[in-house]
Amino acid sequence: FGRVLHEMLGVPVGLIDNAWGGSACEAWVKRDVLEKD
């Protein structure tokens, strides 16, 4: 994804990888925010 942007746009690209295999969506939400809904 970043390579295509870099080559098409001609600008630097920064990529932050924070993926975690098997992760559930609810793990990515702040606990107390989830609890209030």
PDB file of all heavy atoms in Angstrom:
ATOM      1  N   PHE A   1       0.845  -1.202   0.000  1.00  0.00           N
ATOM      2  CA  PHE A   1       0.000   0.000   0.000  1.00  0.00           C
ATOM      3  C   PHE A   1       0.881   1.253   0.000  1.00  0.00           C
ATOM      4  O   PHE A   1       0.710   2.157  -0.827  1.00  0.00           O
ATOM      5  CB  PHE A   1      -0.919  -0.020   1.217  1.00  0.00           C
ATOM      6  CG  PHE A   1      -1.732   1.230   1.416  1.00  0.00           C
ATOM      7  CD1 PHE A   1      -2.922   1.423   0.745  1.00  0.00           C
ATOM      8  CD2 PHE A   1      -1.294   2.218   2.303  1.00  0.00           C
ATOM      9  CE1 PHE A   1      -3.674   2.580   0.942  1.00  0.00           C
ATOM     10  CE2 PHE A   1      -2.039   3.377   2.495  1.00  0.00           C
ATOM     11  CZ  PHE A   1      -3.233   3.553   1.814  1.00  0.00           C
ATOM     12  N   GLY A   2       1.835   1.283   0.918  1.00  0.00           N
ATOM     13  CA  GLY A   2       2.726   2.443   1.003  1.00  0.00           C
ATOM     14  C   GLY A   2       3.611   2.599  -0.217  1.00  0.00           C
ATOM     15  O   GLY A   2       3.883   3.716  -0.662  1.00  0.00           O
ATOM     16  N   ARG A   3       4.052   1.468  -0.770  1.00  0.00           N
ATOM     17  CA  ARG A   3       4.897   1.519  -1.975  1.00  0.00           C
ATOM     18  C   ARG A   3       4.146   2.155  -3.136  1.00  0.00           C
ATOM     19  O   ARG A   3       4.695   3.000  -3.862  1.00  0.00           O
ATOM     20  CB  ARG A   3       5.341   0.103  -2.345  1.00  0.00           C
ATOM     21  CG  ARG A   3       6.118   0.019  -3.657  1.00  0.00           C
ATOM     22  CD  ARG A   3       6.367  -1.424  -4.059  1.00  0.00           C
ATOM     23  NE  ARG A   3       5.144  -2.202  -4.156  1.00  0.00           N
ATOM     24  CZ  ARG A   3       4.285  -2.148  -5.179  1.00  0.00           C
ATOM     25  NH1 ARG A   3       4.508  -1.314  -6.192  1.00  0.00           N
ATOM     26  NH2 ARG A   3       3.207  -2.907  -5.194  1.00  0.00           N
ATOM     27  N   VAL A   4       2.880   1.771  -3.329  1.00  0.00           N
ATOM     28  CA  VAL A   4       2.091   2.343  -4.424  1.00  0.00           C
ATOM     29  C   VAL A   4       1.935   3.852  -4.229  1.00  0.00           C
ATOM     30  O   VAL A   4       2.109   4.633  -5.167  1.00  0.00           O
ATOM     31  CB  VAL A   4       0.708   1.667  -4.521  1.00  0.00           C
ATOM     32  CG1 VAL A   4      -0.177   2.401  -5.523  1.00  0.00           C
ATOM     33  CG2 VAL A   4       0.863   0.205  -4.946  1.00  0.00           C
ATOM     34  N   LEU A   5       1.621   4.269  -3.003  1.00  0.00           N
ATOM     35  CA  LEU A   5       1.480   5.710  -2.743  1.00  0.00           C
ATOM     36  C   LEU A   5       2.784   6.442  -3.024  1.00  0.00           C
ATOM     37  O   LEU A   5       2.788   7.509  -3.646  1.00  0.00           O
ATOM     38  CB  LEU A   5       1.049   5.953  -1.295  1.00  0.00           C
ATOM     39  CG  LEU A   5      -0.313   5.429  -0.837  1.00  0.00           C
ATOM     40  CD1 LEU A   5      -0.631   5.976   0.550  1.00  0.00           C
ATOM     41  CD2 LEU A   5      -1.418   5.795  -1.812  1.00  0.00           C
ATOM     42  N   HIS A   6       3.871   5.878  -2.557  1.00  0.00           N
ATOM     43  CA  HIS A   6       5.179   6.521  -2.746  1.00  0.00           C
ATOM     44  C   HIS A   6       5.512   6.666  -4.229  1.00  0.00           C
ATOM     45  O   HIS A   6       5.953   7.732  -4.681  1.00  0.00           O
ATOM     46  CB  HIS A   6       6.252   5.700  -2.033  1.00  0.00           C
ATOM     47  CG  HIS A   6       7.643   6.182  -2.250  1.00  0.00           C
ATOM     48  ND1 HIS A   6       8.061   7.458  -1.929  1.00  0.00           N
ATOM     49  CD2 HIS A   6       8.733   5.567  -2.788  1.00  0.00           C
ATOM     50  CE1 HIS A   6       9.329   7.604  -2.238  1.00  0.00           C
ATOM     51  NE2 HIS A   6       9.765   6.470  -2.770  1.00  0.00           N
ATOM     52  N   GLU A   7       5.282   5.618  -4.994  1.00  0.00           N
ATOM     53  CA  GLU A   7       5.623   5.651  -6.412  1.00  0.00           C
ATOM     54  C   GLU A   7       4.665   6.531  -7.217  1.00  0.00           C
ATOM     55  O   GLU A   7       5.074   7.183  -8.178  1.00  0.00           O
ATOM     56  CB  GLU A   7       5.647   4.228  -6.968  1.00  0.00           C
ATOM     57  CG  GLU A   7       6.778   3.383  -6.384  1.00  0.00           C
ATOM     58  CD  GLU A   7       6.819   1.967  -6.941  1.00  0.00           C
ATOM     59  OE1 GLU A   7       5.745   1.426  -7.283  1.00  0.00           O
ATOM     60  OE2 GLU A   7       7.910   1.398  -7.040  1.00  0.00           O
ATOM     61  N   MET A   8       3.405   6.558  -6.825  1.00  0.00           N
ATOM     62  CA  MET A   8       2.416   7.366  -7.549  1.00  0.00           C
ATOM     63  C   MET A   8       2.502   8.840  -7.191  1.00  0.00           C
ATOM     64  O   MET A   8       2.337   9.712  -8.049  1.00  0.00           O
ATOM     65  CB  MET A   8       1.009   6.851  -7.260  1.00  0.00           C
ATOM     66  CG  MET A   8       0.691   5.487  -7.856  1.00  0.00           C
ATOM     67  SD  MET A   8       0.377   5.548  -9.636  1.00  0.00           S
ATOM     68  CE  MET A   8      -1.247   6.311  -9.698  1.00  0.00           C
ATOM     69  N   LEU A   9       2.749   9.133  -5.917  1.00  0.00           N
ATOM     70  CA  LEU A   9       2.719  10.520  -5.448  1.00  0.00           C
ATOM     71  C   LEU A   9       4.097  11.171  -5.429  1.00  0.00           C
ATOM     72  O   LEU A   9       4.208  12.400  -5.418  1.00  0.00           O
ATOM     73  CB  LEU A   9       2.109  10.588  -4.041  1.00  0.00           C
ATOM     74  CG  LEU A   9       0.706   9.990  -3.870  1.00  0.00           C
ATOM     75  CD1 LEU A   9       0.301  10.014  -2.410  1.00  0.00           C
ATOM     76  CD2 LEU A   9      -0.306  10.738  -4.723  1.00  0.00           C
ATOM     77  N   GLY A  10       5.134  10.361  -5.374  1.00  0.00           N
ATOM     78  CA  GLY A  10       6.489  10.901  -5.339  1.00  0.00           C
ATOM     79  C   GLY A  10       6.832  11.617  -4.053  1.00  0.00           C
ATOM     80  O   GLY A  10       7.633  12.558  -4.058  1.00  0.00           O
ATOM     81  N   VAL A  11       6.233  11.182  -2.926  1.00  0.00           N
ATOM     82  CA  VAL A  11       6.523  11.796  -1.630  1.00  0.00           C
ATOM     83  C   VAL A  11       6.911  10.703  -0.641  1.00  0.00           C
ATOM     84  O   VAL A  11       6.592   9.526  -0.829  1.00  0.00           O
ATOM     85  CB  VAL A  11       5.308  12.582  -1.086  1.00  0.00           C
ATOM     86  CG1 VAL A  11       4.907  13.687  -2.058  1.00  0.00           C
ATOM     87  CG2 VAL A  11       4.132  11.654  -0.798  1.00  0.00           C
ATOM     88  N   PRO A  12       7.586  11.069   0.450  1.00  0.00           N
ATOM     89  CA  PRO A  12       7.906  10.084   1.484  1.00  0.00           C
ATOM     90  C   PRO A  12       6.633   9.494   2.093  1.00  0.00           C
ATOM     91  O   PRO A  12       5.570  10.138   2.122  1.00  0.00           O
ATOM     92  CB  PRO A  12       8.678  10.906   2.526  1.00  0.00           C
ATOM     93  CG  PRO A  12       9.264  12.043   1.751  1.00  0.00           C
ATOM     94  CD  PRO A  12       8.217  12.384   0.724  1.00  0.00           C
ATOM     95  N   VAL A  13       6.736   8.277   2.581  1.00  0.00           N
ATOM     96  CA  VAL A  13       5.598   7.584   3.205  1.00  0.00           C
ATOM     97  C   VAL A  13       6.056   6.937   4.501  1.00  0.00           C
ATOM     98  O   VAL A  13       7.095   6.261   4.540  1.00  0.00           O
ATOM     99  CB  VAL A  13       5.013   6.511   2.264  1.00  0.00           C
ATOM    100  CG1 VAL A  13       3.977   5.663   2.990  1.00  0.00           C
ATOM    101  CG2 VAL A  13       4.382   7.165   1.034  1.00  0.00           C
ATOM    102  N   GLY A  14       5.300   7.151   5.565  1.00  0.00           N
ATOM    103  CA  GLY A  14       5.566   6.501   6.847  1.00  0.00           C
ATOM    104  C   GLY A  14       4.476   5.492   7.149  1.00  0.00           C
ATOM    105  O   GLY A  14       3.280   5.793   7.010  1.00  0.00           O
ATOM    106  N   LEU A  15       4.851   4.282   7.548  1.00  0.00           N
ATOM    107  CA  LEU A  15       3.901   3.204   7.807  1.00  0.00           C
ATOM    108  C   LEU A  15       4.067   2.694   9.237  1.00  0.00           C
ATOM    109  O   LEU A  15       5.169   2.323   9.645  1.00  0.00           O
ATOM    110  CB  LEU A  15       4.123   2.058   6.820  1.00  0.00           C
ATOM    111  CG  LEU A  15       3.976   2.416   5.337  1.00  0.00           C
ATOM    112  CD1 LEU A  15       4.444   1.257   4.466  1.00  0.00           C
ATOM    113  CD2 LEU A  15       2.527   2.788   5.006  1.00  0.00           C
ATOM    114  N   ILE A  16       2.966   2.682   9.979  1.00  0.00           N
ATOM    115  CA  ILE A  16       2.961   2.229  11.371  1.00  0.00           C
ATOM    116  C   ILE A  16       2.206   0.902  11.428  1.00  0.00           C
ATOM    117  O   ILE A  16       0.990   0.856  11.203  1.00  0.00           O
ATOM    118  CB  ILE A  16       2.286   3.253  12.296  1.00  0.00           C
ATOM    119  CG1 ILE A  16       2.989   4.615  12.179  1.00  0.00           C
ATOM    120  CG2 ILE A  16       2.280   2.754  13.735  1.00  0.00           C
ATOM    121  CD1 ILE A  16       2.229   5.753  12.833  1.00  0.00           C
ATOM    122  N   ASP A  17       2.891  -0.178  11.702  1.00  0.00           N
ATOM    123  CA  ASP A  17       2.300  -1.519  11.735  1.00  0.00           C
ATOM    124  C   ASP A  17       1.989  -1.901  13.178  1.00  0.00           C
ATOM    125  O   ASP A  17       2.893  -2.057  14.000  1.00  0.00           O
ATOM    126  CB  ASP A  17       3.285  -2.518  11.116  1.00  0.00           C
ATOM    127  CG  ASP A  17       2.812  -3.970  11.212  1.00  0.00           C
ATOM    128  OD1 ASP A  17       1.637  -4.192  11.560  1.00  0.00           O
ATOM    129  OD2 ASP A  17       3.622  -4.871  10.933  1.00  0.00           O
ATOM    130  N   ASN A  18       0.696  -2.054  13.496  1.00  0.00           N
ATOM    131  CA  ASN A  18       0.342  -2.495  14.852  1.00  0.00           C
ATOM    132  C   ASN A  18      -0.587  -3.708  14.838  1.00  0.00           C
ATOM    133  O   ASN A  18      -1.269  -3.999  15.823  1.00  0.00           O
ATOM    134  CB  ASN A  18      -0.283  -1.342  15.659  1.00  0.00           C
ATOM    135  CG  ASN A  18      -1.655  -0.930  15.127  1.00  0.00           C
ATOM    136  OD1 ASN A  18      -2.236  -1.598  14.281  1.00  0.00           O
ATOM    137  ND2 ASN A  18      -2.185   0.173  15.629  1.00  0.00           N
ATOM    138  N   ALA A  19      -0.627  -4.458  13.723  1.00  0.00           N
ATOM    139  CA  ALA A  19      -1.531  -5.600  13.590  1.00  0.00           C
ATOM    140  C   ALA A  19      -1.173  -6.712  14.578  1.00  0.00           C
ATOM    141  O   ALA A  19      -0.015  -6.911  14.918  1.00  0.00           O
ATOM    142  CB  ALA A  19      -1.483  -6.134  12.161  1.00  0.00           C
ATOM    143  N   TRP A  20      -2.218  -7.443  15.000  1.00  0.00           N
ATOM    144  CA  TRP A  20      -2.025  -8.568  15.915  1.00  0.00           C
ATOM    145  C   TRP A  20      -2.906  -9.715  15.437  1.00  0.00           C
ATOM    146  O   TRP A  20      -4.133  -9.614  15.408  1.00  0.00           O
ATOM    147  CB  TRP A  20      -2.380  -8.162  17.341  1.00  0.00           C
ATOM    148  CG  TRP A  20      -2.038  -9.196  18.383  1.00  0.00           C
ATOM    149  CD1 TRP A  20      -1.956 -10.541  18.229  1.00  0.00           C
ATOM    150  CD2 TRP A  20      -1.744  -8.952  19.768  1.00  0.00           C
ATOM    151  NE1 TRP A  20      -1.622 -11.159  19.398  1.00  0.00           N
ATOM    152  CE2 TRP A  20      -1.480 -10.204  20.364  1.00  0.00           C
ATOM    153  CE3 TRP A  20      -1.675  -7.805  20.547  1.00  0.00           C
ATOM    154  CZ2 TRP A  20      -1.161 -10.331  21.725  1.00  0.00           C
ATOM    155  CZ3 TRP A  20      -1.355  -7.944  21.887  1.00  0.00           C
ATOM    156  CH2 TRP A  20      -1.103  -9.182  22.464  1.00  0.00           C
ATOM    157  N   GLY A  21      -2.290 -10.827  15.066  1.00  0.00           N
ATOM    158  CA  GLY A  21      -3.028 -11.970  14.545  1.00  0.00           C
ATOM    159  C   GLY A  21      -4.103 -12.469  15.500  1.00  0.00           C
ATOM    160  O   GLY A  21      -3.875 -12.594  16.701  1.00  0.00           O
ATOM    161  N   GLY A  22      -5.279 -12.771  14.944  1.00  0.00           N
ATOM    162  CA  GLY A  22      -6.380 -13.313  15.740  1.00  0.00           C
ATOM    163  C   GLY A  22      -7.116 -12.298  16.578  1.00  0.00           C
ATOM    164  O   GLY A  22      -8.019 -12.645  17.349  1.00  0.00           O
ATOM    165  N   SER A  23      -6.769 -11.022  16.473  1.00  0.00           N
ATOM    166  CA  SER A  23      -7.375 -10.018  17.344  1.00  0.00           C
ATOM    167  C   SER A  23      -8.848  -9.801  17.033  1.00  0.00           C
ATOM    168  O   SER A  23      -9.279  -9.834  15.887  1.00  0.00           O
ATOM    169  CB  SER A  23      -6.615  -8.693  17.261  1.00  0.00           C
ATOM    170  OG  SER A  23      -6.615  -8.182  15.949  1.00  0.00           O
ATOM    171  N   ALA A  24      -9.616  -9.590  18.087  1.00  0.00           N
ATOM    172  CA  ALA A  24     -11.043  -9.295  17.966  1.00  0.00           C
ATOM    173  C   ALA A  24     -11.246  -7.788  17.962  1.00  0.00           C
ATOM    174  O   ALA A  24     -10.475  -7.038  18.564  1.00  0.00           O
ATOM    175  CB  ALA A  24     -11.810  -9.920  19.128  1.00  0.00           C
ATOM    176  N   CYS A  25     -12.293  -7.355  17.307  1.00  0.00           N
ATOM    177  CA  CYS A  25     -12.550  -5.918  17.171  1.00  0.00           C
ATOM    178  C   CYS A  25     -12.678  -5.233  18.526  1.00  0.00           C
ATOM    179  O   CYS A  25     -12.170  -4.129  18.736  1.00  0.00           O
ATOM    180  CB  CYS A  25     -13.820  -5.719  16.341  1.00  0.00           C
ATOM    181  SG  CYS A  25     -14.162  -4.010  15.896  1.00  0.00           S
ATOM    182  N   GLU A  26     -13.347  -5.898  19.476  1.00  0.00           N
ATOM    183  CA  GLU A  26     -13.578  -5.285  20.780  1.00  0.00           C
ATOM    184  C   GLU A  26     -12.291  -5.042  21.561  1.00  0.00           C
ATOM    185  O   GLU A  26     -12.248  -4.198  22.464  1.00  0.00           O
ATOM    186  CB  GLU A  26     -14.537  -6.130  21.629  1.00  0.00           C
ATOM    187  CG  GLU A  26     -14.112  -7.573  21.837  1.00  0.00           C
ATOM    188  CD  GLU A  26     -14.678  -8.518  20.792  1.00  0.00           C
ATOM    189  OE1 GLU A  26     -14.948  -8.064  19.656  1.00  0.00           O
ATOM    190  OE2 GLU A  26     -14.843  -9.714  21.116  1.00  0.00           O
ATOM    191  N   ALA A  27     -11.223  -5.761  21.222  1.00  0.00           N
ATOM    192  CA  ALA A  27      -9.947  -5.549  21.902  1.00  0.00           C
ATOM    193  C   ALA A  27      -9.312  -4.221  21.517  1.00  0.00           C
ATOM    194  O   ALA A  27      -8.458  -3.705  22.240  1.00  0.00           O
ATOM    195  CB  ALA A  27      -8.988  -6.697  21.584  1.00  0.00           C
ATOM    196  N   TRP A  28      -9.735  -3.656  20.384  1.00  0.00           N
ATOM    197  CA  TRP A  28      -9.177  -2.403  19.882  1.00  0.00           C
ATOM    198  C   TRP A  28      -9.931  -1.171  20.391  1.00  0.00           C
ATOM    199  O   TRP A  28      -9.643  -0.053  19.985  1.00  0.00           O
ATOM    200  CB  TRP A  28      -9.188  -2.399  18.357  1.00  0.00           C
ATOM    201  CG  TRP A  28      -8.258  -3.393  17.740  1.00  0.00           C
ATOM    202  CD1 TRP A  28      -8.568  -4.639  17.276  1.00  0.00           C
ATOM    203  CD2 TRP A  28      -6.854  -3.244  17.515  1.00  0.00           C
ATOM    204  NE1 TRP A  28      -7.451  -5.268  16.778  1.00  0.00           N
ATOM    205  CE2 TRP A  28      -6.383  -4.428  16.914  1.00  0.00           C
ATOM    206  CE3 TRP A  28      -5.940  -2.208  17.766  1.00  0.00           C
ATOM    207  CZ2 TRP A  28      -5.050  -4.609  16.558  1.00  0.00           C
ATOM    208  CZ3 TRP A  28      -4.612  -2.395  17.410  1.00  0.00           C
ATOM    209  CH2 TRP A  28      -4.175  -3.590  16.812  1.00  0.00           C
ATOM    210  N   VAL A  29     -10.919  -1.394  21.273  1.00  0.00           N
ATOM    211  CA  VAL A  29     -11.730  -0.293  21.812  1.00  0.00           C
ATOM    212  C   VAL A  29     -11.431  -0.138  23.301  1.00  0.00           C
ATOM    213  O   VAL A  29     -11.291  -1.128  24.031  1.00  0.00           O
ATOM    214  CB  VAL A  29     -13.232  -0.571  21.612  1.00  0.00           C
ATOM    215  CG1 VAL A  29     -14.070   0.568  22.192  1.00  0.00           C
ATOM    216  CG2 VAL A  29     -13.547  -0.769  20.135  1.00  0.00           C
ATOM    217  N   LYS A  30     -11.331   1.097  23.749  1.00  0.00           N
ATOM    218  CA  LYS A  30     -11.069   1.361  25.167  1.00  0.00           C
ATOM    219  C   LYS A  30     -12.149   0.699  26.021  1.00  0.00           C
ATOM    220  O   LYS A  30     -13.344   0.808  25.732  1.00  0.00           O
ATOM    221  CB  LYS A  30     -11.046   2.875  25.404  1.00  0.00           C
ATOM    222  CG  LYS A  30     -10.489   3.278  26.763  1.00  0.00           C
ATOM    223  CD  LYS A  30     -10.424   4.799  26.891  1.00  0.00           C
ATOM    224  CE  LYS A  30      -9.832   5.199  28.237  1.00  0.00           C
ATOM    225  NZ  LYS A  30      -9.825   6.673  28.414  1.00  0.00           N
ATOM    226  N   ARG A  31     -11.732   0.007  27.062  1.00  0.00           N
ATOM    227  CA  ARG A  31     -12.635  -0.827  27.847  1.00  0.00           C
ATOM    228  C   ARG A  31     -13.826  -0.041  28.397  1.00  0.00           C
ATOM    229  O   ARG A  31     -14.982  -0.460  28.260  1.00  0.00           O
ATOM    230  CB  ARG A  31     -11.854  -1.492  28.987  1.00  0.00           C
ATOM    231  CG  ARG A  31     -12.674  -2.364  29.944  1.00  0.00           C
ATOM    232  CD  ARG A  31     -13.197  -3.615  29.298  1.00  0.00           C
ATOM    233  NE  ARG A  31     -13.903  -4.456  30.256  1.00  0.00           N
ATOM    234  CZ  ARG A  31     -13.414  -5.589  30.766  1.00  0.00           C
ATOM    235  NH1 ARG A  31     -12.212  -6.016  30.406  1.00  0.00           N
ATOM    236  NH2 ARG A  31     -14.132  -6.296  31.622  1.00  0.00           N
ATOM    237  N   ASP A  32     -13.585   1.089  29.048  1.00  0.00           N
ATOM    238  CA  ASP A  32     -14.700   1.807  29.669  1.00  0.00           C
ATOM    239  C   ASP A  32     -15.655   2.390  28.634  1.00  0.00           C
ATOM    240  O   ASP A  32     -16.853   2.540  28.895  1.00  0.00           O
ATOM    241  CB  ASP A  32     -14.194   2.888  30.626  1.00  0.00           C
ATOM    242  CG  ASP A  32     -13.378   3.975  29.948  1.00  0.00           C
ATOM    243  OD1 ASP A  32     -13.006   3.799  28.779  1.00  0.00           O
ATOM    244  OD2 ASP A  32     -13.118   5.024  30.577  1.00  0.00           O
ATOM    245  N   VAL A  33     -15.151   2.713  27.451  1.00  0.00           N
ATOM    246  CA  VAL A  33     -16.023   3.211  26.375  1.00  0.00           C
ATOM    247  C   VAL A  33     -16.963   2.099  25.910  1.00  0.00           C
ATOM    248  O   VAL A  33     -18.156   2.322  25.688  1.00  0.00           O
ATOM    249  CB  VAL A  33     -15.170   3.720  25.189  1.00  0.00           C
ATOM    250  CG1 VAL A  33     -16.046   4.048  23.988  1.00  0.00           C
ATOM    251  CG2 VAL A  33     -14.372   4.954  25.614  1.00  0.00           C
ATOM    252  N   LEU A  34     -16.441   0.910  25.806  1.00  0.00           N
ATOM    253  CA  LEU A  34     -17.242  -0.241  25.394  1.00  0.00           C
ATOM    254  C   LEU A  34     -18.286  -0.577  26.461  1.00  0.00           C
ATOM    255  O   LEU A  34     -19.443  -0.889  26.151  1.00  0.00           O
ATOM    256  CB  LEU A  34     -16.325  -1.437  25.165  1.00  0.00           C
ATOM    257  CG  LEU A  34     -16.831  -2.563  24.258  1.00  0.00           C
ATOM    258  CD1 LEU A  34     -17.019  -2.079  22.827  1.00  0.00           C
ATOM    259  CD2 LEU A  34     -15.852  -3.731  24.282  1.00  0.00           C
ATOM    260  N   GLU A  35     -17.877  -0.474  27.718  1.00  0.00           N
ATOM    261  CA  GLU A  35     -18.769  -0.826  28.827  1.00  0.00           C
ATOM    262  C   GLU A  35     -19.968   0.111  28.927  1.00  0.00           C
ATOM    263  O   GLU A  35     -21.043  -0.292  29.401  1.00  0.00           O
ATOM    264  CB  GLU A  35     -17.995  -0.810  30.141  1.00  0.00           C
ATOM    265  CG  GLU A  35     -17.032  -1.969  30.289  1.00  0.00           C
ATOM    266  CD  GLU A  35     -16.238  -1.913  31.581  1.00  0.00           C
ATOM    267  OE1 GLU A  35     -16.059  -0.798  32.127  1.00  0.00           O
ATOM    268  OE2 GLU A  35     -15.797  -2.976  32.035  1.00  0.00           O
ATOM    269  N   LYS A  36     -19.813   1.333  28.478  1.00  0.00           N
ATOM    270  CA  LYS A  36     -20.892   2.315  28.600  1.00  0.00           C
ATOM    271  C   LYS A  36     -21.972   2.157  27.537  1.00  0.00           C
ATOM    272  O   LYS A  36     -23.040   2.766  27.653  1.00  0.00           O
ATOM    273  CB  LYS A  36     -20.310   3.729  28.536  1.00  0.00           C
ATOM    274  CG  LYS A  36     -19.461   4.104  29.734  1.00  0.00           C
ATOM    275  CD  LYS A  36     -18.796   5.466  29.543  1.00  0.00           C
ATOM    276  CE  LYS A  36     -17.870   5.807  30.702  1.00  0.00           C
ATOM    277  NZ  LYS A  36     -17.150   7.085  30.480  1.00  0.00           N
ATOM    278  N   ASP A  37     -21.713   1.378  26.501  1.00  0.00           N
ATOM    279  CA  ASP A  37     -22.685   1.230  25.410  1.00  0.00           C
ATOM    280  C   ASP A  37     -23.467  -0.065  25.586  1.00  0.00           C
ATOM    281  O   ASP A  37     -22.895  -1.160  25.533  1.00  0.00           O
ATOM    282  CB  ASP A  37     -21.968   1.227  24.058  1.00  0.00           C
ATOM    283  CG  ASP A  37     -22.913   1.477  22.899  1.00  0.00           C
ATOM    284  OD1 ASP A  37     -23.920   0.755  22.802  1.00  0.00           O
ATOM    285  OD2 ASP A  37     -22.649   2.389  22.096  1.00  0.00           O
TER     286      ASP A  37
END
